[in-house]
PDB file of N, CA and C in Angstrom:
ATOM      1  N   MET A   1     102.618 101.727 110.395  1.00  0.00           N
ATOM      2  CA  MET A   1     102.938 101.370 109.025  1.00  0.00           C
ATOM      3  C   MET A   1     103.131  99.859 108.907  1.00  0.00           C
ATOM      4  N   LYS A   2     102.514  99.283 107.912  1.00  0.00           N
ATOM      5  CA  LYS A   2     102.707  97.861 107.635  1.00  0.00           C
ATOM      6  C   LYS A   2     103.936  97.684 106.770  1.00  0.00           C
ATOM      7  N   ARG A   3     104.610  96.577 106.935  1.00  0.00           N
ATOM      8  CA  ARG A   3     105.750  96.263 106.076  1.00  0.00           C
ATOM      9  C   ARG A   3     105.412  94.996 105.294  1.00  0.00           C
ATOM     10  N   ARG A   4     105.684  95.041 103.978  1.00  0.00           N
ATOM     11  CA  ARG A   4     105.422  93.882 103.134  1.00  0.00           C
ATOM     12  C   ARG A   4     106.737  93.386 102.569  1.00  0.00           C
ATOM     13  N   TYR A   5     106.875  92.075 102.484  1.00  0.00           N
ATOM     14  CA  TYR A   5     108.084  91.485 101.929  1.00  0.00           C
ATOM     15  C   TYR A   5     107.952  91.375 100.426  1.00  0.00           C
ATOM     16  N   LEU A   6     108.928  91.905  99.693  1.00  0.00           N
ATOM     17  CA  LEU A   6     108.895  91.858  98.239  1.00  0.00           C
ATOM     18  C   LEU A   6     109.546  90.598  97.695  1.00  0.00           C
ATOM     19  N   VAL A   7     110.485  90.047  98.425  1.00  0.00           N
ATOM     20  CA  VAL A   7     111.234  88.890  97.951  1.00  0.00           C
ATOM     21  C   VAL A   7     110.832  87.678  98.775  1.00  0.00           C
ATOM     22  N   LEU A   8     110.660  86.560  98.111  1.00  0.00           N
ATOM     23  CA  LEU A   8     110.257  85.344  98.803  1.00  0.00           C
ATOM     24  C   LEU A   8     111.411  84.764  99.606  1.00  0.00           C
ATOM     25  N   THR A   9     111.082  83.840 100.490  1.00  0.00           N
ATOM     26  CA  THR A   9     112.127  83.201 101.289  1.00  0.00           C
ATOM     27  C   THR A   9     112.971  82.291 100.412  1.00  0.00           C
ATOM     28  N   ASP A  10     114.056  81.776 100.954  1.00  0.00           N
ATOM     29  CA  ASP A  10     115.038  81.023 100.177  1.00  0.00           C
ATOM     30  C   ASP A  10     114.479  79.706  99.628  1.00  0.00           C
ATOM     31  N   GLU A  11     113.543  79.079 100.341  1.00  0.00           N
ATOM     32  CA  GLU A  11     113.028  77.775  99.901  1.00  0.00           C
ATOM     33  C   GLU A  11     112.215  77.892  98.612  1.00  0.00           C
ATOM     34  N   VAL A  12     111.532  79.002  98.434  1.00  0.00           N
ATOM     35  CA  VAL A  12     110.618  79.127  97.309  1.00  0.00           C
ATOM     36  C   VAL A  12     111.289  79.739  96.081  1.00  0.00           C
ATOM     37  N   ARG A  13     112.455  80.302  96.247  1.00  0.00           N
ATOM     38  CA  ARG A  13     113.139  80.942  95.120  1.00  0.00           C
ATOM     39  C   ARG A  13     113.863  79.874  94.307  1.00  0.00           C
ATOM     40  N   ARG A  14     113.343  79.534  93.150  1.00  0.00           N
ATOM     41  CA  ARG A  14     113.969  78.502  92.335  1.00  0.00           C
ATOM     42  C   ARG A  14     114.526  79.053  91.031  1.00  0.00           C
ATOM     43  N   HIS A  15     113.957  80.126  90.539  1.00  0.00           N
ATOM     44  CA  HIS A  15     114.423  80.708  89.286  1.00  0.00           C
ATOM     45  C   HIS A  15     115.770  81.398  89.515  1.00  0.00           C
ATOM     46  N   PRO A  16     116.699  81.308  88.558  1.00  0.00           N
ATOM     47  CA  PRO A  16     118.026  81.925  88.748  1.00  0.00           C
ATOM     48  C   PRO A  16     117.972  83.437  89.017  1.00  0.00           C
ATOM     49  N   PHE A  17     117.026  84.128  88.385  1.00  0.00           N
ATOM     50  CA  PHE A  17     116.910  85.559  88.648  1.00  0.00           C
ATOM     51  C   PHE A  17     116.477  85.819  90.087  1.00  0.00           C
ATOM     52  N   ARG A  18     115.533  85.017  90.574  1.00  0.00           N
ATOM     53  CA  ARG A  18     115.095  85.188  91.956  1.00  0.00           C
ATOM     54  C   ARG A  18     116.197  84.823  92.939  1.00  0.00           C
ATOM     55  N   LYS A  19     117.025  83.857  92.574  1.00  0.00           N
ATOM     56  CA  LYS A  19     118.133  83.493  93.464  1.00  0.00           C
ATOM     57  C   LYS A  19     119.163  84.612  93.568  1.00  0.00           C
ATOM     58  N   SER A  20     119.258  85.428  92.513  1.00  0.00           N
ATOM     59  CA  SER A  20     120.235  86.516  92.545  1.00  0.00           C
ATOM     60  C   SER A  20     119.757  87.705  93.373  1.00  0.00           C
ATOM     61  N   LEU A  21     118.459  87.758  93.669  1.00  0.00           N
ATOM     62  CA  LEU A  21     117.920  88.862  94.461  1.00  0.00           C
ATOM     63  C   LEU A  21     118.233  88.678  95.945  1.00  0.00           C
ATOM     64  N   PRO A  22     118.263  89.765  96.711  1.00  0.00           N
ATOM     65  CA  PRO A  22     118.491  89.628  98.151  1.00  0.00           C
ATOM     66  C   PRO A  22     117.326  88.898  98.822  1.00  0.00           C
ATOM     67  N   LEU A  23     117.592  88.324  99.982  1.00  0.00           N
ATOM     68  CA  LEU A  23     116.572  87.519 100.650  1.00  0.00           C
ATOM     69  C   LEU A  23     115.346  88.324 101.056  1.00  0.00           C
ATOM     70  N   GLN A  24     115.517  89.428 101.766  1.00  0.00           N
ATOM     71  CA  GLN A  24     114.366  90.192 102.219  1.00  0.00           C
ATOM     72  C   GLN A  24     114.592  91.668 101.996  1.00  0.00           C
ATOM     73  N   ARG A  25     113.535  92.304 101.543  1.00  0.00           N
ATOM     74  CA  ARG A  25     113.536  93.751 101.443  1.00  0.00           C
ATOM     75  C   ARG A  25     112.136  94.203 101.829  1.00  0.00           C
ATOM     76  N   THR A  26     112.031  95.222 102.659  1.00  0.00           N
ATOM     77  CA  THR A  26     110.717  95.669 103.107  1.00  0.00           C
ATOM     78  C   THR A  26     110.390  97.032 102.519  1.00  0.00           C
ATOM     79  N   VAL A  27     109.107  97.246 102.339  1.00  0.00           N
ATOM     80  CA  VAL A  27     108.610  98.509 101.812  1.00  0.00           C
ATOM     81  C   VAL A  27     107.537  99.011 102.758  1.00  0.00           C
ATOM     82  N   GLU A  28     107.596 100.294 103.081  1.00  0.00           N
ATOM     83  CA  GLU A  28     106.582 100.868 103.941  1.00  0.00           C
ATOM     84  C   GLU A  28     105.355 101.205 103.112  1.00  0.00           C
ATOM     85  N   VAL A  29     104.194 100.773 103.588  1.00  0.00           N
ATOM     86  CA  VAL A  29     102.939 101.044 102.906  1.00  0.00           C
ATOM     87  C   VAL A  29     102.277 102.209 103.630  1.00  0.00           C
ATOM     88  N   SER A  30     102.078 103.298 102.915  1.00  0.00           N
ATOM     89  CA  SER A  30     101.477 104.469 103.552  1.00  0.00           C
ATOM     90  C   SER A  30      99.961 104.387 103.469  1.00  0.00           C
ATOM     91  N   LYS A  31      99.311 105.023 104.403  1.00  0.00           N
ATOM     92  CA  LYS A  31      97.857 105.045 104.414  1.00  0.00           C
ATOM     93  C   LYS A  31      97.369 106.420 103.953  1.00  0.00           C
ATOM     94  N   ASP A  32      97.977 106.918 102.901  1.00  0.00           N
ATOM     95  CA  ASP A  32      97.611 108.220 102.376  1.00  0.00           C
ATOM     96  C   ASP A  32      96.367 108.071 101.510  1.00  0.00           C
ATOM     97  N   ASP A  33      95.348 108.860 101.790  1.00  0.00           N
ATOM     98  CA  ASP A  33      94.106 108.754 101.034  1.00  0.00           C
ATOM     99  C   ASP A  33      93.950 109.871 100.019  1.00  0.00           C
ATOM    100  N   SER A  34      95.051 110.482  99.590  1.00  0.00           N
ATOM    101  CA  SER A  34      94.956 111.568  98.624  1.00  0.00           C
ATOM    102  C   SER A  34      94.456 111.070  97.269  1.00  0.00           C
ATOM    103  N   ASP A  35      94.797 109.840  96.885  1.00  0.00           N
ATOM    104  CA  ASP A  35      94.316 109.299  95.617  1.00  0.00           C
ATOM    105  C   ASP A  35      92.799 109.118  95.650  1.00  0.00           C
ATOM    106  N   LEU A  36      92.289 108.653  96.769  1.00  0.00           N
ATOM    107  CA  LEU A  36      90.847 108.471  96.912  1.00  0.00           C
ATOM    108  C   LEU A  36      90.127 109.813  96.886  1.00  0.00           C
ATOM    109  N   LYS A  37      90.705 110.808  97.536  1.00  0.00           N
ATOM    110  CA  LYS A  37      90.101 112.140  97.535  1.00  0.00           C
ATOM    111  C   LYS A  37      90.115 112.739  96.126  1.00  0.00           C
ATOM    112  N   LEU A  38      91.210 112.549  95.402  1.00  0.00           N
ATOM    113  CA  LEU A  38      91.292 113.053  94.038  1.00  0.00           C
ATOM    114  C   LEU A  38      90.277 112.362  93.136  1.00  0.00           C
ATOM    115  N   PHE A  39      90.102 111.061  93.307  1.00  0.00           N
ATOM    116  CA  PHE A  39      89.106 110.330  92.524  1.00  0.00           C
ATOM    117  C   PHE A  39      87.708 110.842  92.827  1.00  0.00           C
ATOM    118  N   ALA A  40      87.386 111.022  94.101  1.00  0.00           N
ATOM    119  CA  ALA A  40      86.056 111.503  94.475  1.00  0.00           C
ATOM    120  C   ALA A  40      85.807 112.908  93.924  1.00  0.00           C
ATOM    121  N   LEU A  41      86.802 113.768  93.998  1.00  0.00           N
ATOM    122  CA  LEU A  41      86.659 115.119  93.469  1.00  0.00           C
ATOM    123  C   LEU A  41      86.470 115.100  91.953  1.00  0.00           C
ATOM    124  N   SER A  42      87.247 114.299  91.257  1.00  0.00           N
ATOM    125  CA  SER A  42      87.137 114.219  89.797  1.00  0.00           C
ATOM    126  C   SER A  42      85.796 113.629  89.372  1.00  0.00           C
ATOM    127  N   PHE A  43      85.355 112.600  90.074  1.00  0.00           N
ATOM    128  CA  PHE A  43      84.071 111.977  89.757  1.00  0.00           C
ATOM    129  C   PHE A  43      82.938 112.963  89.964  1.00  0.00           C
ATOM    130  N   THR A  44      82.979 113.687  91.075  1.00  0.00           N
ATOM    131  CA  THR A  44      81.934 114.669  91.365  1.00  0.00           C
ATOM    132  C   THR A  44      81.944 115.797  90.338  1.00  0.00           C
ATOM    133  N   ALA A  45      83.114 116.289  89.972  1.00  0.00           N
ATOM    134  CA  ALA A  45      83.207 117.361  88.988  1.00  0.00           C
ATOM    135  C   ALA A  45      82.674 116.900  87.629  1.00  0.00           C
ATOM    136  N   PHE A  46      83.019 115.682  87.235  1.00  0.00           N
ATOM    137  CA  PHE A  46      82.510 115.154  85.973  1.00  0.00           C
ATOM    138  C   PHE A  46      81.000 115.019  86.010  1.00  0.00           C
ATOM    139  N   PHE A  47      80.462 114.519  87.124  1.00  0.00           N
ATOM    140  CA  PHE A  47      79.022 114.346  87.254  1.00  0.00           C
ATOM    141  C   PHE A  47      78.298 115.689  87.175  1.00  0.00           C
ATOM    142  N   VAL A  48      78.820 116.706  87.852  1.00  0.00           N
ATOM    143  CA  VAL A  48      78.200 118.031  87.837  1.00  0.00           C
ATOM    144  C   VAL A  48      78.234 118.611  86.427  1.00  0.00           C
ATOM    145  N   CYS A  49      79.377 118.520  85.760  1.00  0.00           N
ATOM    146  CA  CYS A  49      79.477 119.043  84.392  1.00  0.00           C
ATOM    147  C   CYS A  49      78.549 118.301  83.441  1.00  0.00           C
ATOM    148  N   PHE A  50      78.508 116.997  83.521  1.00  0.00           N
ATOM    149  CA  PHE A  50      77.664 116.191  82.646  1.00  0.00           C
ATOM    150  C   PHE A  50      76.188 116.486  82.899  1.00  0.00           C
ATOM    151  N   TYR A  51      75.810 116.632  84.156  1.00  0.00           N
ATOM    152  CA  TYR A  51      74.416 116.898  84.505  1.00  0.00           C
ATOM    153  C   TYR A  51      73.985 118.278  84.038  1.00  0.00           C
ATOM    154  N   THR A  52      74.887 119.262  84.104  1.00  0.00           N
ATOM    155  CA  THR A  52      74.524 120.605  83.658  1.00  0.00           C
ATOM    156  C   THR A  52      74.352 120.659  82.141  1.00  0.00           C
ATOM    157  N   PHE A  53      75.075 119.845  81.395  1.00  0.00           N
ATOM    158  CA  PHE A  53      74.875 119.819  79.944  1.00  0.00           C
ATOM    159  C   PHE A  53      73.562 119.143  79.561  1.00  0.00           C
ATOM    160  N   LEU A  54      73.101 118.188  80.368  1.00  0.00           N
ATOM    161  CA  LEU A  54      71.835 117.503  80.073  1.00  0.00           C
ATOM    162  C   LEU A  54      70.636 118.352  80.445  1.00  0.00           C
ATOM    163  N   ALA A  55      70.749 119.116  81.502  1.00  0.00           N
ATOM    164  CA  ALA A  55      69.584 119.886  82.003  1.00  0.00           C
ATOM    165  C   ALA A  55      69.316 121.119  81.204  1.00  0.00           C
TER     166      ALA A  55
END
């Protein structure tokens, strides 16, 4: 799992709202491909339905 930093380091935080945020917080990025599979399934289903109406 990759970790990405959501909050910038202390040197770059100049806005008062950013200064009030904690220095570092990490988020786990999942490699779940369910969204890609759902898109492929939906695209294929739409294509099949559209093609059957044209033929």
